[in-house]
């Protein structure tokens, strides 16, 4: 598979979730699988062959099926539930810094 942007060290989503290096800057590439608009910003779920992760953005939301290459900062939101003896159910997500490339998905209109 040809590398679209030589020189960029694109991480796998699974690797980002495992390492949980909060505040680290990463490059990710994947397909948009879900979207969640909010007031003032939005989020979309990006998936590659290692997993999926939510991307928080202030830009226009990409469409479902779009391929996105982005630069972002790893974040972690801790969610602790008392019913589960203080177990942390937090989630790693990425705050988008720059959307480098977006390619419309081949499955438009399906």
PDB file of N, CA and C in Angstrom:
ATOM      1  N   UNK A   1       0.843  -1.176   0.000  1.00  0.00           N
ATOM      2  CA  UNK A   1       0.000   0.000   0.000  1.00  0.00           C
ATOM      3  C   UNK A   1       0.886   1.236   0.000  1.00  0.00           C
ATOM      4  N   UNK A   2       0.708   2.152  -0.945  1.00  0.00           N
ATOM      5  CA  UNK A   2       1.563   3.332  -0.988  1.00  0.00           C
ATOM      6  C   UNK A   2       1.267   4.262   0.177  1.00  0.00           C
ATOM      7  N   UNK A   3       2.305   4.878   0.697  1.00  0.00           N
ATOM      8  CA  UNK A   3       2.126   5.802   1.804  1.00  0.00           C
ATOM      9  C   UNK A   3       1.748   7.163   1.242  1.00  0.00           C
ATOM     10  N   UNK A   4       0.618   7.708   1.664  1.00  0.00           N
ATOM     11  CA  UNK A   4       0.112   8.959   1.124  1.00  0.00           C
ATOM     12  C   UNK A   4       0.947  10.155   1.562  1.00  0.00           C
ATOM     13  N   UNK A   5       1.438  10.142   2.763  1.00  0.00           N
ATOM     14  CA  UNK A   5       2.216  11.246   3.289  1.00  0.00           C
ATOM     15  C   UNK A   5       3.520  10.718   3.874  1.00  0.00           C
ATOM     16  N   UNK A   6       4.540  10.532   3.042  1.00  0.00           N
ATOM     17  CA  UNK A   6       5.802  10.025   3.550  1.00  0.00           C
ATOM     18  C   UNK A   6       6.341  10.945   4.644  1.00  0.00           C
ATOM     19  N   UNK A   7       6.936  10.347   5.646  1.00  0.00           N
ATOM     20  CA  UNK A   7       7.495  11.123   6.742  1.00  0.00           C
ATOM     21  C   UNK A   7       6.580  11.215   7.947  1.00  0.00           C
ATOM     22  N   UNK A   8       5.283  10.950   7.775  1.00  0.00           N
ATOM     23  CA  UNK A   8       4.370  10.961   8.914  1.00  0.00           C
ATOM     24  C   UNK A   8       4.389   9.594   9.574  1.00  0.00           C
ATOM     25  N   UNK A   9       4.546   9.576  10.868  1.00  0.00           N
ATOM     26  CA  UNK A   9       4.536   8.328  11.614  1.00  0.00           C
ATOM     27  C   UNK A   9       3.102   8.073  12.086  1.00  0.00           C
ATOM     28  N   UNK A  10       2.306   7.410  11.241  1.00  0.00           N
ATOM     29  CA  UNK A  10       0.895   7.171  11.539  1.00  0.00           C
ATOM     30  C   UNK A  10       0.786   6.003  12.518  1.00  0.00           C
ATOM     31  N   UNK A  11       0.153   6.256  13.663  1.00  0.00           N
ATOM     32  CA  UNK A  11      -0.022   5.231  14.693  1.00  0.00           C
ATOM     33  C   UNK A  11      -1.286   4.428  14.417  1.00  0.00           C
ATOM     34  N   UNK A  12      -1.331   3.213  14.952  1.00  0.00           N
ATOM     35  CA  UNK A  12      -2.578   2.442  14.884  1.00  0.00           C
ATOM     36  C   UNK A  12      -3.461   2.872  16.054  1.00  0.00           C
ATOM     37  N   UNK A  13      -4.765   2.809  15.861  1.00  0.00           N
ATOM     38  CA  UNK A  13      -5.702   3.192  16.915  1.00  0.00           C
ATOM     39  C   UNK A  13      -5.531   2.279  18.129  1.00  0.00           C
ATOM     40  N   UNK A  14      -5.346   0.988  17.898  1.00  0.00           N
ATOM     41  CA  UNK A  14      -5.134   0.054  18.997  1.00  0.00           C
ATOM     42  C   UNK A  14      -3.930   0.429  19.847  1.00  0.00           C
ATOM     43  N   UNK A  15      -2.866   0.874  19.202  1.00  0.00           N
ATOM     44  CA  UNK A  15      -1.647   1.275  19.907  1.00  0.00           C
ATOM     45  C   UNK A  15      -1.904   2.507  20.783  1.00  0.00           C
ATOM     46  N   UNK A  16      -2.632   3.474  20.260  1.00  0.00           N
ATOM     47  CA  UNK A  16      -2.950   4.687  21.014  1.00  0.00           C
ATOM     48  C   UNK A  16      -3.774   4.338  22.251  1.00  0.00           C
ATOM     49  N   UNK A  17      -4.745   3.431  22.097  1.00  0.00           N
ATOM     50  CA  UNK A  17      -5.597   3.049  23.229  1.00  0.00           C
ATOM     51  C   UNK A  17      -4.810   2.275  24.286  1.00  0.00           C
ATOM     52  N   UNK A  18      -3.883   1.430  23.872  1.00  0.00           N
ATOM     53  CA  UNK A  18      -3.093   0.651  24.823  1.00  0.00           C
ATOM     54  C   UNK A  18      -2.111   1.511  25.598  1.00  0.00           C
ATOM     55  N   UNK A  19      -1.399   2.379  24.879  1.00  0.00           N
ATOM     56  CA  UNK A  19      -0.342   3.180  25.513  1.00  0.00           C
ATOM     57  C   UNK A  19      -0.891   4.287  26.398  1.00  0.00           C
ATOM     58  N   UNK A  20      -2.033   4.851  26.040  1.00  0.00           N
ATOM     59  CA  UNK A  20      -2.670   5.926  26.818  1.00  0.00           C
ATOM     60  C   UNK A  20      -1.688   7.037  27.173  1.00  0.00           C
ATOM     61  N   UNK A  21      -0.898   7.459  26.202  1.00  0.00           N
ATOM     62  CA  UNK A  21       0.072   8.531  26.441  1.00  0.00           C
ATOM     63  C   UNK A  21      -0.640   9.874  26.332  1.00  0.00           C
ATOM     64  N   UNK A  22      -1.240  10.301  27.453  1.00  0.00           N
ATOM     65  CA  UNK A  22      -2.029  11.523  27.470  1.00  0.00           C
ATOM     66  C   UNK A  22      -1.153  12.714  27.086  1.00  0.00           C
ATOM     67  N   UNK A  23      -1.691  13.576  26.259  1.00  0.00           N
ATOM     68  CA  UNK A  23      -1.065  14.793  25.721  1.00  0.00           C
ATOM     69  C   UNK A  23      -0.065  14.522  24.602  1.00  0.00           C
ATOM     70  N   UNK A  24       0.201  13.254  24.285  1.00  0.00           N
ATOM     71  CA  UNK A  24       1.091  12.945  23.168  1.00  0.00           C
ATOM     72  C   UNK A  24       0.401  13.334  21.864  1.00  0.00           C
ATOM     73  N   UNK A  25       1.174  13.858  20.913  1.00  0.00           N
ATOM     74  CA  UNK A  25       0.629  14.149  19.590  1.00  0.00           C
ATOM     75  C   UNK A  25       0.803  12.919  18.716  1.00  0.00           C
ATOM     76  N   UNK A  26      -0.271  12.573  17.999  1.00  0.00           N
ATOM     77  CA  UNK A  26      -0.250  11.386  17.144  1.00  0.00           C
ATOM     78  C   UNK A  26      -0.863  11.710  15.790  1.00  0.00           C
ATOM     79  N   UNK A  27      -0.487  10.911  14.803  1.00  0.00           N
ATOM     80  CA  UNK A  27      -1.137  10.926  13.497  1.00  0.00           C
ATOM     81  C   UNK A  27      -1.947   9.653  13.392  1.00  0.00           C
ATOM     82  N   UNK A  28      -3.198   9.782  12.970  1.00  0.00           N
ATOM     83  CA  UNK A  28      -4.084   8.628  12.809  1.00  0.00           C
ATOM     84  C   UNK A  28      -4.711   8.663  11.423  1.00  0.00           C
ATOM     85  N   UNK A  29      -4.989   7.472  10.909  1.00  0.00           N
ATOM     86  CA  UNK A  29      -5.690   7.340   9.632  1.00  0.00           C
ATOM     87  C   UNK A  29      -6.761   6.277   9.815  1.00  0.00           C
ATOM     88  N   UNK A  30      -7.947   6.548   9.320  1.00  0.00           N
ATOM     89  CA  UNK A  30      -9.006   5.554   9.416  1.00  0.00           C
ATOM     90  C   UNK A  30     -10.262   6.011   8.706  1.00  0.00           C
ATOM     91  N   UNK A  31     -11.294   5.234   8.904  1.00  0.00           N
ATOM     92  CA  UNK A  31     -12.586   5.451   8.259  1.00  0.00           C
ATOM     93  C   UNK A  31     -13.589   5.929   9.306  1.00  0.00           C
ATOM     94  N   UNK A  32     -14.387   6.927   8.948  1.00  0.00           N
ATOM     95  CA  UNK A  32     -15.398   7.476   9.856  1.00  0.00           C
ATOM     96  C   UNK A  32     -16.558   6.484   9.977  1.00  0.00           C
ATOM     97  N   UNK A  33     -16.806   6.035  11.208  1.00  0.00           N
ATOM     98  CA  UNK A  33     -17.844   5.022  11.456  1.00  0.00           C
ATOM     99  C   UNK A  33     -19.060   5.561  12.214  1.00  0.00           C
ATOM    100  N   UNK A  34     -18.914   6.724  12.851  1.00  0.00           N
ATOM    101  CA  UNK A  34     -20.005   7.260  13.657  1.00  0.00           C
ATOM    102  C   UNK A  34     -19.780   8.761  13.794  1.00  0.00           C
ATOM    103  N   UNK A  35     -20.847   9.507  14.059  1.00  0.00           N
ATOM    104  CA  UNK A  35     -20.739  10.953  14.218  1.00  0.00           C
ATOM    105  C   UNK A  35     -21.614  11.409  15.373  1.00  0.00           C
ATOM    106  N   UNK A  36     -21.151  12.444  16.110  1.00  0.00           N
ATOM    107  CA  UNK A  36     -21.923  12.978  17.222  1.00  0.00           C
ATOM    108  C   UNK A  36     -21.758  14.496  17.276  1.00  0.00           C
ATOM    109  N   UNK A  37     -22.723  15.256  16.728  1.00  0.00           N
ATOM    110  CA  UNK A  37     -22.632  16.722  16.780  1.00  0.00           C
ATOM    111  C   UNK A  37     -22.993  17.241  18.170  1.00  0.00           C
ATOM    112  N   UNK A  38     -22.252  18.251  18.627  1.00  0.00           N
ATOM    113  CA  UNK A  38     -22.531  18.942  19.891  1.00  0.00           C
ATOM    114  C   UNK A  38     -22.587  20.434  19.595  1.00  0.00           C
ATOM    115  N   UNK A  39     -22.996  21.215  20.568  1.00  0.00           N
ATOM    116  CA  UNK A  39     -22.971  22.670  20.427  1.00  0.00           C
ATOM    117  C   UNK A  39     -21.520  23.131  20.589  1.00  0.00           C
ATOM    118  N   UNK A  40     -20.999  23.828  19.597  1.00  0.00           N
ATOM    119  CA  UNK A  40     -19.651  24.370  19.686  1.00  0.00           C
ATOM    120  C   UNK A  40     -18.556  23.450  19.173  1.00  0.00           C
ATOM    121  N   UNK A  41     -18.789  22.169  19.160  1.00  0.00           N
ATOM    122  CA  UNK A  41     -17.824  21.215  18.604  1.00  0.00           C
ATOM    123  C   UNK A  41     -18.561  19.913  18.285  1.00  0.00           C
ATOM    124  N   UNK A  42     -17.824  18.902  17.921  1.00  0.00           N
ATOM    125  CA  UNK A  42     -18.445  17.635  17.535  1.00  0.00           C
ATOM    126  C   UNK A  42     -17.432  16.523  17.728  1.00  0.00           C
ATOM    127  N   UNK A  43     -17.877  15.288  17.512  1.00  0.00           N
ATOM    128  CA  UNK A  43     -16.975  14.143  17.604  1.00  0.00           C
ATOM    129  C   UNK A  43     -17.342  13.150  16.516  1.00  0.00           C
ATOM    130  N   UNK A  44     -16.337  12.410  16.098  1.00  0.00           N
ATOM    131  CA  UNK A  44     -16.586  11.319  15.160  1.00  0.00           C
ATOM    132  C   UNK A  44     -15.718  10.139  15.561  1.00  0.00           C
ATOM    133  N   UNK A  45     -16.203   8.962  15.243  1.00  0.00           N
ATOM    134  CA  UNK A  45     -15.493   7.740  15.589  1.00  0.00           C
ATOM    135  C   UNK A  45     -14.699   7.291  14.369  1.00  0.00           C
ATOM    136  N   UNK A  46     -13.397   7.123  14.577  1.00  0.00           N
ATOM    137  CA  UNK A  46     -12.492   6.722  13.514  1.00  0.00           C
ATOM    138  C   UNK A  46     -12.090   5.271  13.739  1.00  0.00           C
ATOM    139  N   UNK A  47     -12.096   4.474  12.671  1.00  0.00           N
ATOM    140  CA  UNK A  47     -11.789   3.050  12.804  1.00  0.00           C
ATOM    141  C   UNK A  47     -10.707   2.659  11.812  1.00  0.00           C
ATOM    142  N   UNK A  48      -9.752   1.850  12.306  1.00  0.00           N
ATOM    143  CA  UNK A  48      -8.801   1.181  11.418  1.00  0.00           C
ATOM    144  C   UNK A  48      -8.878  -0.309  11.719  1.00  0.00           C
ATOM    145  N   UNK A  49      -7.944  -1.100  11.208  1.00  0.00           N
ATOM    146  CA  UNK A  49      -8.046  -2.545  11.421  1.00  0.00           C
ATOM    147  C   UNK A  49      -7.620  -2.980  12.820  1.00  0.00           C
ATOM    148  N   UNK A  50      -7.260  -2.023  13.712  1.00  0.00           N
ATOM    149  CA  UNK A  50      -6.868  -2.376  15.080  1.00  0.00           C
ATOM    150  C   UNK A  50      -7.875  -1.924  16.124  1.00  0.00           C
ATOM    151  N   UNK A  51      -8.869  -1.130  15.726  1.00  0.00           N
ATOM    152  CA  UNK A  51      -9.860  -0.659  16.687  1.00  0.00           C
ATOM    153  C   UNK A  51     -10.502   0.631  16.246  1.00  0.00           C
ATOM    154  N   UNK A  52     -11.225   1.261  17.181  1.00  0.00           N
ATOM    155  CA  UNK A  52     -11.868   2.543  16.883  1.00  0.00           C
ATOM    156  C   UNK A  52     -11.670   3.483  18.070  1.00  0.00           C
ATOM    157  N   UNK A  53     -11.727   4.787  17.774  1.00  0.00           N
ATOM    158  CA  UNK A  53     -11.511   5.801  18.803  1.00  0.00           C
ATOM    159  C   UNK A  53     -12.322   7.033  18.434  1.00  0.00           C
ATOM    160  N   UNK A  54     -12.771   7.771  19.449  1.00  0.00           N
ATOM    161  CA  UNK A  54     -13.510   9.012  19.219  1.00  0.00           C
ATOM    162  C   UNK A  54     -12.529  10.149  19.011  1.00  0.00           C
ATOM    163  N   UNK A  55     -12.855  11.014  18.044  1.00  0.00           N
ATOM    164  CA  UNK A  55     -12.057  12.185  17.720  1.00  0.00           C
ATOM    165  C   UNK A  55     -12.913  13.419  18.008  1.00  0.00           C
ATOM    166  N   UNK A  56     -12.456  14.282  18.900  1.00  0.00           N
ATOM    167  CA  UNK A  56     -13.157  15.524  19.213  1.00  0.00           C
ATOM    168  C   UNK A  56     -12.658  16.597  18.258  1.00  0.00           C
ATOM    169  N   UNK A  57     -13.573  17.301  17.598  1.00  0.00           N
ATOM    170  CA  UNK A  57     -13.177  18.289  16.580  1.00  0.00           C
ATOM    171  C   UNK A  57     -13.994  19.564  16.710  1.00  0.00           C
ATOM    172  N   UNK A  58     -13.407  20.669  16.271  1.00  0.00           N
ATOM    173  CA  UNK A  58     -14.129  21.936  16.152  1.00  0.00           C
ATOM    174  C   UNK A  58     -14.380  22.245  14.684  1.00  0.00           C
ATOM    175  N   UNK A  59     -13.935  21.359  13.800  1.00  0.00           N
ATOM    176  CA  UNK A  59     -14.122  21.504  12.358  1.00  0.00           C
ATOM    177  C   UNK A  59     -15.466  20.885  11.949  1.00  0.00           C
ATOM    178  N   UNK A  60     -15.815  21.036  10.673  1.00  0.00           N
ATOM    179  CA  UNK A  60     -17.008  20.370  10.158  1.00  0.00           C
ATOM    180  C   UNK A  60     -16.820  18.861  10.259  1.00  0.00           C
ATOM    181  N   UNK A  61     -17.876  18.164  10.626  1.00  0.00           N
ATOM    182  CA  UNK A  61     -17.804  16.708  10.745  1.00  0.00           C
ATOM    183  C   UNK A  61     -17.600  16.061   9.382  1.00  0.00           C
ATOM    184  N   UNK A  62     -16.683  15.095   9.299  1.00  0.00           N
ATOM    185  CA  UNK A  62     -16.591  14.321   8.058  1.00  0.00           C
ATOM    186  C   UNK A  62     -17.825  13.437   7.931  1.00  0.00           C
ATOM    187  N   UNK A  63     -18.086  12.978   6.733  1.00  0.00           N
ATOM    188  CA  UNK A  63     -19.239  12.113   6.476  1.00  0.00           C
ATOM    189  C   UNK A  63     -18.912  10.664   6.824  1.00  0.00           C
ATOM    190  N   UNK A  64     -19.940   9.889   7.120  1.00  0.00           N
ATOM    191  CA  UNK A  64     -19.755   8.454   7.354  1.00  0.00           C
ATOM    192  C   UNK A  64     -19.081   7.837   6.136  1.00  0.00           C
ATOM    193  N   UNK A  65     -18.082   7.007   6.356  1.00  0.00           N
ATOM    194  CA  UNK A  65     -17.378   6.341   5.271  1.00  0.00           C
ATOM    195  C   UNK A  65     -16.170   7.095   4.755  1.00  0.00           C
ATOM    196  N   UNK A  66     -16.024   8.378   5.124  1.00  0.00           N
ATOM    197  CA  UNK A  66     -14.853   9.140   4.683  1.00  0.00           C
ATOM    198  C   UNK A  66     -13.579   8.556   5.294  1.00  0.00           C
ATOM    199  N   UNK A  67     -12.492   8.616   4.543  1.00  0.00           N
ATOM    200  CA  UNK A  67     -11.167   8.255   5.052  1.00  0.00           C
ATOM    201  C   UNK A  67     -10.508   9.543   5.519  1.00  0.00           C
ATOM    202  N   UNK A  68      -9.992   9.541   6.751  1.00  0.00           N
ATOM    203  CA  UNK A  68      -9.410  10.757   7.322  1.00  0.00           C
ATOM    204  C   UNK A  68      -7.994  10.475   7.806  1.00  0.00           C
ATOM    205  N   UNK A  69      -7.094  11.411   7.523  1.00  0.00           N
ATOM    206  CA  UNK A  69      -5.744  11.425   8.080  1.00  0.00           C
ATOM    207  C   UNK A  69      -5.663  12.684   8.925  1.00  0.00           C
ATOM    208  N   UNK A  70      -5.309  12.539  10.207  1.00  0.00           N
ATOM    209  CA  UNK A  70      -5.330  13.681  11.103  1.00  0.00           C
ATOM    210  C   UNK A  70      -4.144  13.687  12.054  1.00  0.00           C
ATOM    211  N   UNK A  71      -3.902  14.862  12.595  1.00  0.00           N
ATOM    212  CA  UNK A  71      -2.953  15.035  13.690  1.00  0.00           C
ATOM    213  C   UNK A  71      -3.784  15.411  14.898  1.00  0.00           C
ATOM    214  N   UNK A  72      -3.519  14.762  16.028  1.00  0.00           N
ATOM    215  CA  UNK A  72      -4.296  15.054  17.218  1.00  0.00           C
ATOM    216  C   UNK A  72      -3.523  14.817  18.490  1.00  0.00           C
ATOM    217  N   UNK A  73      -4.120  15.216  19.607  1.00  0.00           N
ATOM    218  CA  UNK A  73      -3.525  15.037  20.926  1.00  0.00           C
ATOM    219  C   UNK A  73      -4.335  14.000  21.692  1.00  0.00           C
ATOM    220  N   UNK A  74      -3.645  13.045  22.288  1.00  0.00           N
ATOM    221  CA  UNK A  74      -4.300  11.980  23.050  1.00  0.00           C
ATOM    222  C   UNK A  74      -4.836  12.564  24.357  1.00  0.00           C
ATOM    223  N   UNK A  75      -6.076  12.247  24.646  1.00  0.00           N
ATOM    224  CA  UNK A  75      -6.728  12.693  25.884  1.00  0.00           C
ATOM    225  C   UNK A  75      -7.334  11.474  26.580  1.00  0.00           C
ATOM    226  N   UNK A  76      -7.650  11.640  27.863  1.00  0.00           N
ATOM    227  CA  UNK A  76      -8.272  10.559  28.625  1.00  0.00           C
ATOM    228  C   UNK A  76      -9.320  11.162  29.542  1.00  0.00           C
ATOM    229  N   UNK A  77     -10.511  10.625  29.492  1.00  0.00           N
ATOM    230  CA  UNK A  77     -11.594  11.060  30.371  1.00  0.00           C
ATOM    231  C   UNK A  77     -11.888   9.951  31.359  1.00  0.00           C
ATOM    232  N   UNK A  78     -11.657  10.224  32.628  1.00  0.00           N
ATOM    233  CA  UNK A  78     -11.886   9.234  33.676  1.00  0.00           C
ATOM    234  C   UNK A  78     -13.350   9.247  34.106  1.00  0.00           C
ATOM    235  N   UNK A  79     -13.935   8.064  34.191  1.00  0.00           N
ATOM    236  CA  UNK A  79     -15.312   7.903  34.652  1.00  0.00           C
ATOM    237  C   UNK A  79     -15.281   6.819  35.728  1.00  0.00           C
ATOM    238  N   UNK A  80     -15.489   7.231  36.978  1.00  0.00           N
ATOM    239  CA  UNK A  80     -15.443   6.283  38.088  1.00  0.00           C
ATOM    240  C   UNK A  80     -16.856   6.062  38.624  1.00  0.00           C
ATOM    241  N   UNK A  81     -17.257   4.807  38.734  1.00  0.00           N
ATOM    242  CA  UNK A  81     -18.589   4.469  39.234  1.00  0.00           C
ATOM    243  C   UNK A  81     -18.482   3.846  40.619  1.00  0.00           C
ATOM    244  N   UNK A  82     -19.235   4.395  41.566  1.00  0.00           N
ATOM    245  CA  UNK A  82     -19.208   3.880  42.937  1.00  0.00           C
ATOM    246  C   UNK A  82     -19.767   2.461  43.009  1.00  0.00           C
ATOM    247  N   UNK A  83     -20.754   2.151  42.163  1.00  0.00           N
ATOM    248  CA  UNK A  83     -21.369   0.822  42.187  1.00  0.00           C
ATOM    249  C   UNK A  83     -20.376  -0.284  41.837  1.00  0.00           C
ATOM    250  N   UNK A  84     -19.308   0.079  41.148  1.00  0.00           N
ATOM    251  CA  UNK A  84     -18.318  -0.915  40.735  1.00  0.00           C
ATOM    252  C   UNK A  84     -17.045  -0.784  41.565  1.00  0.00           C
ATOM    253  N   UNK A  85     -17.194  -0.432  42.839  1.00  0.00           N
ATOM    254  CA  UNK A  85     -16.076  -0.320  43.782  1.00  0.00           C
ATOM    255  C   UNK A  85     -14.990   0.617  43.261  1.00  0.00           C
ATOM    256  N   UNK A  86     -15.421   1.731  42.671  1.00  0.00           N
ATOM    257  CA  UNK A  86     -14.473   2.733  42.214  1.00  0.00           C
ATOM    258  C   UNK A  86     -13.725   2.369  40.949  1.00  0.00           C
ATOM    259  N   UNK A  87     -14.209   1.381  40.206  1.00  0.00           N
ATOM    260  CA  UNK A  87     -13.542   0.975  38.968  1.00  0.00           C
ATOM    261  C   UNK A  87     -13.580   2.114  37.951  1.00  0.00           C
ATOM    262  N   UNK A  88     -12.445   2.363  37.329  1.00  0.00           N
ATOM    263  CA  UNK A  88     -12.340   3.431  36.342  1.00  0.00           C
ATOM    264  C   UNK A  88     -12.756   2.904  34.970  1.00  0.00           C
ATOM    265  N   UNK A  89     -13.832   3.464  34.434  1.00  0.00           N
ATOM    266  CA  UNK A  89     -14.317   3.070  33.118  1.00  0.00           C
ATOM    267  C   UNK A  89     -13.988   4.138  32.084  1.00  0.00           C
ATOM    268  N   UNK A  90     -12.923   4.883  32.323  1.00  0.00           N
ATOM    269  CA  UNK A  90     -12.556   5.986  31.447  1.00  0.00           C
ATOM    270  C   UNK A  90     -12.217   5.530  30.037  1.00  0.00           C
ATOM    271  N   UNK A  91     -12.132   6.516  29.156  1.00  0.00           N
ATOM    272  CA  UNK A  91     -11.894   6.215  27.752  1.00  0.00           C
ATOM    273  C   UNK A  91     -10.848   7.165  27.164  1.00  0.00           C
ATOM    274  N   UNK A  92      -9.998   6.601  26.321  1.00  0.00           N
ATOM    275  CA  UNK A  92      -9.028   7.393  25.572  1.00  0.00           C
ATOM    276  C   UNK A  92      -9.736   7.960  24.350  1.00  0.00           C
ATOM    277  N   UNK A  93      -9.476   9.230  24.058  1.00  0.00           N
ATOM    278  CA  UNK A  93      -9.977   9.835  22.831  1.00  0.00           C
ATOM    279  C   UNK A  93      -8.889  10.764  22.304  1.00  0.00           C
ATOM    280  N   UNK A  94      -9.098  11.326  21.131  1.00  0.00           N
ATOM    281  CA  UNK A  94      -8.108  12.214  20.526  1.00  0.00           C
ATOM    282  C   UNK A  94      -8.772  13.547  20.210  1.00  0.00           C
ATOM    283  N   UNK A  95      -8.104  14.619  20.597  1.00  0.00           N
ATOM    284  CA  UNK A  95      -8.562  15.961  20.258  1.00  0.00           C
ATOM    285  C   UNK A  95      -7.863  16.372  18.969  1.00  0.00           C
ATOM    286  N   UNK A  96      -8.646  16.592  17.930  1.00  0.00           N
ATOM    287  CA  UNK A  96      -8.095  16.897  16.614  1.00  0.00           C
ATOM    288  C   UNK A  96      -7.379  18.245  16.623  1.00  0.00           C
ATOM    289  N   UNK A  97      -6.132  18.242  16.144  1.00  0.00           N
ATOM    290  CA  UNK A  97      -5.360  19.475  15.974  1.00  0.00           C
ATOM    291  C   UNK A  97      -5.471  19.939  14.531  1.00  0.00           C
ATOM    292  N   UNK A  98      -5.331  18.996  13.610  1.00  0.00           N
ATOM    293  CA  UNK A  98      -5.365  19.328  12.187  1.00  0.00           C
ATOM    294  C   UNK A  98      -5.875  18.132  11.399  1.00  0.00           C
ATOM    295  N   UNK A  99      -6.811  18.392  10.510  1.00  0.00           N
ATOM    296  CA  UNK A  99      -7.260  17.345   9.588  1.00  0.00           C
ATOM    297  C   UNK A  99      -6.405  17.495   8.330  1.00  0.00           C
ATOM    298  N   UNK A 100      -5.487  16.559   8.124  1.00  0.00           N
ATOM    299  CA  UNK A 100      -4.514  16.669   7.046  1.00  0.00           C
ATOM    300  C   UNK A 100      -5.122  16.309   5.700  1.00  0.00           C
ATOM    301  N   UNK A 101      -5.903  15.249   5.681  1.00  0.00           N
ATOM    302  CA  UNK A 101      -6.499  14.813   4.416  1.00  0.00           C
ATOM    303  C   UNK A 101      -7.827  14.119   4.698  1.00  0.00           C
ATOM    304  N   UNK A 102      -8.812  14.402   3.848  1.00  0.00           N
ATOM    305  CA  UNK A 102     -10.105  13.714   3.953  1.00  0.00           C
ATOM    306  C   UNK A 102     -10.510  13.285   2.560  1.00  0.00           C
ATOM    307  N   UNK A 103     -10.780  11.996   2.417  1.00  0.00           N
ATOM    308  CA  UNK A 103     -11.189  11.430   1.142  1.00  0.00           C
ATOM    309  C   UNK A 103     -12.619  10.921   1.276  1.00  0.00           C
ATOM    310  N   UNK A 104     -13.534  11.383   0.424  1.00  0.00           N
ATOM    311  CA  UNK A 104     -14.910  10.891   0.502  1.00  0.00           C
ATOM    312  C   UNK A 104     -14.967   9.370   0.398  1.00  0.00           C
ATOM    313  N   UNK A 105     -15.824   8.756   1.208  1.00  0.00           N
ATOM    314  CA  UNK A 105     -15.961   7.308   1.213  1.00  0.00           C
ATOM    315  C   UNK A 105     -16.561   6.779  -0.071  1.00  0.00           C
ATOM    316  N   UNK A 106     -16.184   5.559  -0.397  1.00  0.00           N
ATOM    317  CA  UNK A 106     -16.700   4.911  -1.599  1.00  0.00           C
ATOM    318  C   UNK A 106     -18.148   4.461  -1.435  1.00  0.00           C
ATOM    319  N   UNK A 107     -18.599   4.382  -0.171  1.00  0.00           N
ATOM    320  CA  UNK A 107     -19.950   3.882   0.087  1.00  0.00           C
ATOM    321  C   UNK A 107     -20.971   5.006   0.247  1.00  0.00           C
ATOM    322  N   UNK A 108     -20.748   6.145  -0.387  1.00  0.00           N
ATOM    323  CA  UNK A 108     -21.706   7.244  -0.332  1.00  0.00           C
ATOM    324  C   UNK A 108     -23.041   6.802  -0.920  1.00  0.00           C
ATOM    325  N   UNK A 109     -24.113   7.196  -0.234  1.00  0.00           N
ATOM    326  CA  UNK A 109     -25.431   6.912  -0.755  1.00  0.00           C
ATOM    327  C   UNK A 109     -25.945   5.529  -0.432  1.00  0.00           C
ATOM    328  N   UNK A 110     -25.185   4.747   0.306  1.00  0.00           N
ATOM    329  CA  UNK A 110     -25.647   3.400   0.646  1.00  0.00           C
ATOM    330  C   UNK A 110     -26.359   3.409   1.960  1.00  0.00           C
TER     331      UNK A 110
END
